[in-house]
Amino acid sequence: MTTKAELYLIALSELENSTGDIISTAIVTHDGLIMACTRSDLRQKEIFAAYGAATYKRAGDTMEELSGENIDMLLYESKNHMVVTVRAGEHALLIALTGRNVQMGLVIMNVQKAAQKIKEL
C-alpha cells in the first residue's frame, strides 16, 4: 500500500520531470512543517520549508490588508533563481525553486496542476 507521503513525493517528482530547471520542490504546512520534499539534505529541507511558508504567510497578510483577498500564488525572483508558491489544499503549500532560465508560464501551469493533484490526495 502506498502512503500519502509517497504519493506526495510521486507528485513532486512528476512536477520536476515535466518542467525543466526545477531545482527543488516541497509540500509544506502553512507553519513550515515538511510534508514532502525533494531536497536530500535535512537542514536544507527545513530551511526551504520554513522560509517558503513564512514568505507566503507574510505576502498573504499584505494581500489581505491591501485588497481584502487571500493570496493564491506567490512568485519572487533573484538574479539566478525563482520561487513559486501556491496553495495545495486547505492546509498545504507547494513550493518550487527554479533556475533563472526556466519558462515561467510552463512552471506556473505545471505547479498549479500539481497543487490540484496534491489537493485531491
N, C-alpha and C. Protein backbone atom coordinates (compact mmCIF):
# COMPACT_ATOMS: atom_id res chain seq x y z
N MET A 1 0.84 -1.18 0.00
CA MET A 1 0.00 0.00 0.00
C MET A 1 0.88 1.24 0.00
N THR A 2 0.55 2.20 -0.82
CA THR A 2 1.31 3.44 -0.93
C THR A 2 0.81 4.44 0.11
N THR A 3 1.76 5.04 0.84
CA THR A 3 1.40 6.03 1.85
C THR A 3 1.15 7.39 1.20
N LYS A 4 0.52 8.26 1.95
CA LYS A 4 0.27 9.61 1.45
C LYS A 4 1.59 10.34 1.19
N ALA A 5 2.58 10.15 2.06
CA ALA A 5 3.90 10.77 1.86
C ALA A 5 4.52 10.31 0.55
N GLU A 6 4.39 9.02 0.23
CA GLU A 6 4.92 8.50 -1.02
C GLU A 6 4.17 9.10 -2.22
N LEU A 7 2.85 9.25 -2.09
CA LEU A 7 2.08 9.87 -3.17
C LEU A 7 2.48 11.32 -3.38
N TYR A 8 2.76 12.02 -2.28
CA TYR A 8 3.24 13.40 -2.38
C TYR A 8 4.57 13.45 -3.13
N LEU A 9 5.49 12.56 -2.78
CA LEU A 9 6.80 12.54 -3.45
C LEU A 9 6.67 12.19 -4.93
N ILE A 10 5.73 11.32 -5.27
CA ILE A 10 5.49 11.00 -6.68
C ILE A 10 5.00 12.23 -7.41
N ALA A 11 4.07 12.97 -6.81
CA ALA A 11 3.55 14.20 -7.43
C ALA A 11 4.67 15.22 -7.62
N LEU A 12 5.55 15.36 -6.64
CA LEU A 12 6.67 16.30 -6.76
C LEU A 12 7.65 15.85 -7.85
N SER A 13 7.91 14.57 -7.90
CA SER A 13 8.81 14.04 -8.92
C SER A 13 8.23 14.26 -10.32
N GLU A 14 6.94 14.03 -10.48
CA GLU A 14 6.29 14.27 -11.78
C GLU A 14 6.39 15.74 -12.16
N LEU A 15 6.20 16.64 -11.20
CA LEU A 15 6.33 18.06 -11.48
C LEU A 15 7.74 18.40 -11.94
N GLU A 16 8.73 17.92 -11.23
CA GLU A 16 10.11 18.22 -11.60
C GLU A 16 10.47 17.64 -12.96
N ASN A 17 9.97 16.46 -13.27
CA ASN A 17 10.26 15.83 -14.56
C ASN A 17 9.53 16.50 -15.72
N SER A 18 8.40 17.13 -15.45
CA SER A 18 7.61 17.76 -16.52
C SER A 18 8.06 19.18 -16.83
N THR A 19 8.88 19.73 -15.97
CA THR A 19 9.27 21.12 -16.10
C THR A 19 10.78 21.24 -15.95
N GLY A 20 11.45 21.73 -16.97
CA GLY A 20 12.89 21.86 -16.90
C GLY A 20 13.35 22.88 -15.89
N ASP A 21 14.53 22.66 -15.35
CA ASP A 21 15.23 23.59 -14.46
C ASP A 21 14.54 23.83 -13.12
N ILE A 22 13.76 22.88 -12.65
CA ILE A 22 13.28 22.96 -11.27
C ILE A 22 14.34 22.32 -10.40
N ILE A 23 14.81 23.06 -9.43
CA ILE A 23 15.89 22.62 -8.57
C ILE A 23 15.36 21.79 -7.40
N SER A 24 14.27 22.23 -6.81
CA SER A 24 13.72 21.55 -5.66
C SER A 24 12.24 21.89 -5.51
N THR A 25 11.49 20.95 -4.94
CA THR A 25 10.08 21.19 -4.65
C THR A 25 9.76 20.65 -3.27
N ALA A 26 8.71 21.19 -2.68
CA ALA A 26 8.29 20.72 -1.36
C ALA A 26 6.80 20.96 -1.18
N ILE A 27 6.21 20.12 -0.36
CA ILE A 27 4.86 20.33 0.15
C ILE A 27 5.03 20.57 1.64
N VAL A 28 4.55 21.71 2.10
CA VAL A 28 4.72 22.08 3.50
C VAL A 28 3.40 22.57 4.07
N THR A 29 3.31 22.55 5.39
CA THR A 29 2.15 23.13 6.04
C THR A 29 2.30 24.65 6.05
N HIS A 30 1.26 25.35 6.37
CA HIS A 30 1.33 26.81 6.45
C HIS A 30 2.27 27.26 7.56
N ASP A 31 2.58 26.37 8.49
CA ASP A 31 3.52 26.67 9.56
C ASP A 31 4.96 26.32 9.18
N GLY A 32 5.16 25.75 8.00
CA GLY A 32 6.50 25.43 7.54
C GLY A 32 6.99 24.03 7.87
N LEU A 33 6.09 23.15 8.28
CA LEU A 33 6.48 21.76 8.55
C LEU A 33 6.48 20.97 7.24
N ILE A 34 7.48 20.16 7.06
CA ILE A 34 7.64 19.40 5.82
C ILE A 34 6.67 18.23 5.75
N MET A 35 5.93 18.18 4.66
CA MET A 35 5.08 17.02 4.38
C MET A 35 5.79 16.12 3.36
N ALA A 36 6.48 16.72 2.41
CA ALA A 36 7.29 16.01 1.42
C ALA A 36 8.25 17.01 0.80
N CYS A 37 9.44 16.55 0.46
CA CYS A 37 10.43 17.46 -0.13
C CYS A 37 11.41 16.64 -0.96
N THR A 38 11.86 17.21 -2.08
CA THR A 38 12.79 16.50 -2.94
C THR A 38 14.25 16.82 -2.61
N ARG A 39 14.49 17.76 -1.73
CA ARG A 39 15.87 18.02 -1.29
C ARG A 39 16.35 16.85 -0.45
N SER A 40 17.64 16.53 -0.54
CA SER A 40 18.16 15.40 0.23
C SER A 40 18.71 15.81 1.59
N ASP A 41 19.25 16.99 1.71
CA ASP A 41 19.86 17.46 2.96
C ASP A 41 18.77 17.93 3.92
N LEU A 42 18.67 17.31 5.11
CA LEU A 42 17.61 17.62 6.07
C LEU A 42 17.63 19.09 6.47
N ARG A 43 18.79 19.64 6.73
CA ARG A 43 18.88 21.05 7.13
C ARG A 43 18.33 21.95 6.03
N GLN A 44 18.70 21.65 4.80
CA GLN A 44 18.21 22.44 3.67
C GLN A 44 16.71 22.27 3.49
N LYS A 45 16.18 21.07 3.73
CA LYS A 45 14.74 20.84 3.65
C LYS A 45 14.00 21.73 4.64
N GLU A 46 14.50 21.75 5.86
CA GLU A 46 13.85 22.53 6.92
C GLU A 46 13.90 24.02 6.62
N ILE A 47 15.02 24.50 6.13
CA ILE A 47 15.15 25.92 5.78
C ILE A 47 14.20 26.26 4.62
N PHE A 48 14.21 25.42 3.60
CA PHE A 48 13.35 25.61 2.42
C PHE A 48 11.88 25.69 2.84
N ALA A 49 11.46 24.75 3.70
CA ALA A 49 10.07 24.71 4.15
C ALA A 49 9.72 25.91 5.02
N ALA A 50 10.55 26.21 5.98
CA ALA A 50 10.26 27.29 6.93
C ALA A 50 10.22 28.65 6.24
N TYR A 51 11.23 28.96 5.45
CA TYR A 51 11.26 30.26 4.78
C TYR A 51 10.19 30.37 3.71
N GLY A 52 9.93 29.26 3.00
CA GLY A 52 8.88 29.28 1.99
C GLY A 52 7.52 29.59 2.59
N ALA A 53 7.19 28.93 3.69
CA ALA A 53 5.90 29.15 4.35
C ALA A 53 5.83 30.54 4.97
N ALA A 54 6.91 30.98 5.59
CA ALA A 54 6.92 32.31 6.22
C ALA A 54 6.75 33.42 5.18
N THR A 55 7.41 33.27 4.05
CA THR A 55 7.29 34.27 2.98
C THR A 55 5.87 34.31 2.44
N TYR A 56 5.28 33.14 2.24
CA TYR A 56 3.90 33.07 1.74
C TYR A 56 2.94 33.69 2.75
N LYS A 57 3.14 33.42 4.02
CA LYS A 57 2.29 33.98 5.07
C LYS A 57 2.36 35.50 5.07
N ARG A 58 3.57 36.03 5.00
CA ARG A 58 3.75 37.48 5.02
C ARG A 58 3.12 38.13 3.79
N ALA A 59 3.31 37.53 2.63
CA ALA A 59 2.70 38.05 1.41
C ALA A 59 1.18 37.96 1.50
N GLY A 60 0.68 36.88 2.10
CA GLY A 60 -0.76 36.73 2.29
C GLY A 60 -1.33 37.80 3.20
N ASP A 61 -0.61 38.10 4.28
CA ASP A 61 -1.04 39.17 5.18
C ASP A 61 -1.09 40.51 4.46
N THR A 62 -0.10 40.76 3.62
CA THR A 62 -0.05 42.01 2.86
C THR A 62 -1.23 42.10 1.89
N MET A 63 -1.49 41.00 1.16
CA MET A 63 -2.61 40.97 0.22
C MET A 63 -3.93 41.21 0.94
N GLU A 64 -4.10 40.55 2.08
CA GLU A 64 -5.32 40.70 2.87
C GLU A 64 -5.50 42.15 3.30
N GLU A 65 -4.44 42.76 3.74
CA GLU A 65 -4.50 44.15 4.22
C GLU A 65 -4.80 45.12 3.08
N LEU A 66 -4.20 44.89 1.92
CA LEU A 66 -4.36 45.83 0.80
C LEU A 66 -5.66 45.64 0.02
N SER A 67 -6.07 44.38 -0.15
CA SER A 67 -7.22 44.13 -1.03
C SER A 67 -8.38 43.40 -0.37
N GLY A 68 -8.14 42.87 0.81
CA GLY A 68 -9.18 42.08 1.46
C GLY A 68 -9.33 40.68 0.89
N GLU A 69 -8.41 40.28 0.03
CA GLU A 69 -8.46 38.97 -0.61
C GLU A 69 -7.32 38.08 -0.11
N ASN A 70 -7.51 36.77 -0.31
CA ASN A 70 -6.47 35.81 0.02
C ASN A 70 -5.51 35.66 -1.15
N ILE A 71 -4.28 35.37 -0.85
CA ILE A 71 -3.28 35.14 -1.89
C ILE A 71 -3.44 33.72 -2.43
N ASP A 72 -3.31 33.55 -3.73
CA ASP A 72 -3.39 32.24 -4.35
C ASP A 72 -2.03 31.73 -4.78
N MET A 73 -1.16 32.66 -5.22
CA MET A 73 0.16 32.27 -5.69
C MET A 73 1.14 33.38 -5.37
N LEU A 74 2.35 32.99 -5.04
CA LEU A 74 3.42 33.94 -4.78
C LEU A 74 4.59 33.59 -5.68
N LEU A 75 5.11 34.57 -6.39
CA LEU A 75 6.25 34.38 -7.29
C LEU A 75 7.27 35.45 -6.95
N TYR A 76 8.50 35.03 -6.69
CA TYR A 76 9.56 36.00 -6.47
C TYR A 76 10.85 35.48 -7.09
N GLU A 77 11.73 36.41 -7.43
CA GLU A 77 12.93 36.02 -8.14
C GLU A 77 14.15 36.79 -7.65
N SER A 78 15.30 36.16 -7.87
CA SER A 78 16.58 36.78 -7.61
C SER A 78 17.36 36.80 -8.92
N LYS A 79 18.62 37.10 -8.84
CA LYS A 79 19.43 37.14 -10.05
C LYS A 79 19.47 35.79 -10.76
N ASN A 80 19.52 34.69 -10.00
CA ASN A 80 19.70 33.37 -10.59
C ASN A 80 18.59 32.36 -10.33
N HIS A 81 17.59 32.73 -9.52
CA HIS A 81 16.56 31.77 -9.14
C HIS A 81 15.18 32.42 -9.07
N MET A 82 14.16 31.56 -9.12
CA MET A 82 12.79 31.98 -8.89
C MET A 82 12.13 30.98 -7.95
N VAL A 83 11.17 31.47 -7.19
CA VAL A 83 10.39 30.61 -6.30
C VAL A 83 8.92 30.85 -6.61
N VAL A 84 8.18 29.76 -6.77
CA VAL A 84 6.74 29.81 -6.96
C VAL A 84 6.12 29.04 -5.81
N THR A 85 5.17 29.66 -5.12
CA THR A 85 4.46 29.01 -4.03
C THR A 85 2.96 29.14 -4.29
N VAL A 86 2.25 28.01 -4.21
CA VAL A 86 0.80 28.00 -4.40
C VAL A 86 0.16 27.16 -3.31
N ARG A 87 -1.13 27.42 -3.08
CA ARG A 87 -1.89 26.58 -2.16
C ARG A 87 -2.08 25.21 -2.78
N ALA A 88 -1.97 24.20 -1.94
CA ALA A 88 -2.21 22.83 -2.38
C ALA A 88 -3.20 22.19 -1.41
N GLY A 89 -4.35 22.81 -1.29
CA GLY A 89 -5.34 22.37 -0.33
C GLY A 89 -5.44 23.35 0.82
N GLU A 90 -6.29 23.02 1.75
CA GLU A 90 -6.57 23.91 2.87
C GLU A 90 -5.38 24.07 3.82
N HIS A 91 -4.58 23.01 3.94
CA HIS A 91 -3.52 23.03 4.94
C HIS A 91 -2.11 22.90 4.36
N ALA A 92 -1.97 22.97 3.05
CA ALA A 92 -0.67 22.72 2.44
C ALA A 92 -0.30 23.77 1.41
N LEU A 93 1.01 23.93 1.24
CA LEU A 93 1.57 24.79 0.21
C LEU A 93 2.50 23.95 -0.65
N LEU A 94 2.56 24.25 -1.92
CA LEU A 94 3.52 23.64 -2.83
C LEU A 94 4.53 24.72 -3.20
N ILE A 95 5.80 24.44 -2.96
CA ILE A 95 6.87 25.41 -3.22
C ILE A 95 7.81 24.81 -4.26
N ALA A 96 8.16 25.60 -5.28
CA ALA A 96 9.10 25.16 -6.30
C ALA A 96 10.20 26.20 -6.45
N LEU A 97 11.45 25.76 -6.35
CA LEU A 97 12.62 26.60 -6.59
C LEU A 97 13.15 26.25 -7.97
N THR A 98 13.29 27.27 -8.81
CA THR A 98 13.75 27.04 -10.18
C THR A 98 15.01 27.83 -10.47
N GLY A 99 15.66 27.48 -11.57
CA GLY A 99 16.74 28.29 -12.09
C GLY A 99 16.15 29.51 -12.79
N ARG A 100 16.98 30.41 -13.18
CA ARG A 100 16.55 31.69 -13.78
C ARG A 100 16.06 31.55 -15.22
N ASN A 101 16.54 30.53 -15.94
CA ASN A 101 16.25 30.42 -17.36
C ASN A 101 15.06 29.53 -17.67
N VAL A 102 14.20 29.33 -16.72
CA VAL A 102 13.04 28.48 -16.88
C VAL A 102 11.93 29.23 -17.63
N GLN A 103 11.05 28.49 -18.30
CA GLN A 103 9.87 29.10 -18.94
C GLN A 103 8.81 29.27 -17.86
N MET A 104 8.66 30.48 -17.36
CA MET A 104 7.83 30.72 -16.18
C MET A 104 6.37 30.35 -16.41
N GLY A 105 5.83 30.58 -17.59
CA GLY A 105 4.45 30.20 -17.86
C GLY A 105 4.24 28.70 -17.71
N LEU A 106 5.17 27.92 -18.21
CA LEU A 106 5.10 26.47 -18.08
C LEU A 106 5.22 26.05 -16.62
N VAL A 107 6.12 26.68 -15.89
CA VAL A 107 6.29 26.36 -14.47
C VAL A 107 4.99 26.64 -13.71
N ILE A 108 4.43 27.81 -13.91
CA ILE A 108 3.20 28.17 -13.21
C ILE A 108 2.08 27.18 -13.53
N MET A 109 1.91 26.86 -14.80
CA MET A 109 0.87 25.92 -15.20
C MET A 109 1.08 24.55 -14.55
N ASN A 110 2.30 24.04 -14.59
CA ASN A 110 2.58 22.72 -14.04
C ASN A 110 2.52 22.71 -12.51
N VAL A 111 2.92 23.79 -11.87
CA VAL A 111 2.82 23.87 -10.41
C VAL A 111 1.35 23.88 -9.99
N GLN A 112 0.52 24.63 -10.71
CA GLN A 112 -0.90 24.66 -10.39
C GLN A 112 -1.56 23.30 -10.60
N LYS A 113 -1.18 22.59 -11.66
CA LYS A 113 -1.70 21.24 -11.90
C LYS A 113 -1.29 20.30 -10.77
N ALA A 114 -0.02 20.38 -10.38
CA ALA A 114 0.48 19.53 -9.30
C ALA A 114 -0.22 19.86 -7.98
N ALA A 115 -0.45 21.14 -7.72
CA ALA A 115 -1.14 21.54 -6.49
C ALA A 115 -2.56 20.97 -6.47
N GLN A 116 -3.22 20.96 -7.59
CA GLN A 116 -4.57 20.39 -7.66
C GLN A 116 -4.54 18.89 -7.38
N LYS A 117 -3.55 18.21 -7.96
CA LYS A 117 -3.40 16.77 -7.73
C LYS A 117 -3.14 16.49 -6.24
N ILE A 118 -2.28 17.30 -5.63
CA ILE A 118 -1.97 17.15 -4.21
C ILE A 118 -3.20 17.40 -3.36
N LYS A 119 -3.95 18.43 -3.73
CA LYS A 119 -5.18 18.75 -3.00
C LYS A 119 -6.15 17.57 -3.01
N GLU A 120 -6.22 16.87 -4.12
CA GLU A 120 -7.13 15.73 -4.26
C GLU A 120 -6.68 14.51 -3.47
N LEU A 121 -5.39 14.47 -3.10
CA LEU A 121 -4.90 13.34 -2.30
C LEU A 121 -5.42 13.46 -0.89
